[in-house]
Amino acid sequence: MVNIWNYAGAEKIQITCISGDIYEGNVVCIDDAEEMYDATEDEITIETSDGKFVGFKPSEIEKIRELNK
């Protein structure tokens, strides 16, 4: 499982989901499961180039790659 906390300071990342879908965007936040109501996993949220906010749990992520580093 991917450690999403490694990308807390990253700006633009690419996430490949276990479903094969690929998303690119700027990291908005990483939420700790202990601080969210009824959550079982932490979550990373990105904003895509079309302005959508998409959240991912580590169990949904195959890999993360930092872009423009």
Protein backbone atom coordinates (compact mmCIF):
# COMPACT_ATOMS: atom_id res chain seq x y z
CA MET A 1 0.00 0.00 0.00
CA VAL A 2 1.22 3.50 -0.87
CA ASN A 3 2.17 5.88 1.94
CA ILE A 4 0.22 9.00 0.95
CA TRP A 5 1.92 11.03 3.67
CA ASN A 6 5.12 10.98 1.56
CA TYR A 7 3.31 13.41 -0.78
CA ALA A 8 2.14 15.94 1.81
CA GLY A 9 4.55 18.58 0.51
CA ALA A 10 4.18 17.70 -3.16
CA GLU A 11 2.47 20.00 -5.58
CA LYS A 12 1.53 18.14 -8.74
CA ILE A 13 1.21 14.36 -8.65
CA GLN A 14 -0.06 11.54 -10.81
CA ILE A 15 -2.11 8.80 -9.17
CA THR A 16 -2.66 5.43 -10.82
CA CYS A 17 -5.61 3.63 -9.26
CA ILE A 18 -5.86 -0.13 -8.89
CA SER A 19 -8.68 0.11 -11.45
CA GLY A 20 -6.16 1.46 -13.99
CA ASP A 21 -7.55 5.02 -14.03
CA ILE A 22 -4.93 7.77 -13.95
CA TYR A 23 -5.44 11.18 -12.34
CA GLU A 24 -3.14 14.20 -12.27
CA GLY A 25 -3.51 17.23 -10.09
CA ASN A 26 -2.29 19.42 -7.29
CA VAL A 27 -2.33 18.07 -3.75
CA VAL A 28 -4.99 19.91 -1.76
CA CYS A 29 -4.78 18.01 1.52
CA ILE A 30 -4.19 14.73 3.26
CA ASP A 31 -6.72 13.83 5.91
CA ASP A 32 -6.00 11.57 8.88
CA ALA A 33 -8.65 8.88 9.39
CA GLU A 34 -8.58 9.54 13.14
CA GLU A 35 -9.76 13.10 12.51
CA MET A 36 -12.59 12.19 10.13
CA TYR A 37 -15.99 10.90 11.16
CA ASP A 38 -16.53 7.23 10.35
CA ALA A 39 -13.34 6.88 8.25
CA THR A 40 -11.22 3.75 8.20
CA GLU A 41 -8.33 5.07 6.07
CA ASP A 42 -6.43 8.30 5.54
CA GLU A 43 -7.25 10.14 2.30
CA ILE A 44 -5.35 12.32 -0.17
CA THR A 45 -7.30 14.91 -2.16
CA ILE A 46 -6.13 16.47 -5.42
CA GLU A 47 -7.53 19.19 -7.64
CA THR A 48 -7.48 18.22 -11.31
CA SER A 49 -6.85 20.67 -14.15
CA ASP A 50 -10.61 20.95 -14.79
CA GLY A 51 -11.21 22.12 -11.19
CA LYS A 52 -12.57 18.86 -9.75
CA PHE A 53 -11.57 17.69 -6.29
CA VAL A 54 -10.96 13.94 -6.11
CA GLY A 55 -10.11 11.96 -2.97
CA PHE A 56 -8.25 8.66 -2.81
CA LYS A 57 -7.70 6.14 -0.04
CA PRO A 58 -4.36 4.27 -0.01
CA SER A 59 -6.14 0.97 -0.74
CA GLU A 60 -7.42 2.47 -4.03
CA ILE A 61 -3.96 3.57 -5.22
CA GLU A 62 -1.54 1.39 -7.19
CA LYS A 63 1.16 4.07 -7.40
CA ILE A 64 1.83 7.78 -7.01
CA ARG A 65 4.38 9.76 -8.95
CA GLU A 66 5.43 13.33 -8.25
CA LEU A 67 5.45 15.51 -11.38
CA ASN A 68 7.64 18.56 -12.16
CA LYS A 69 10.15 17.76 -9.47
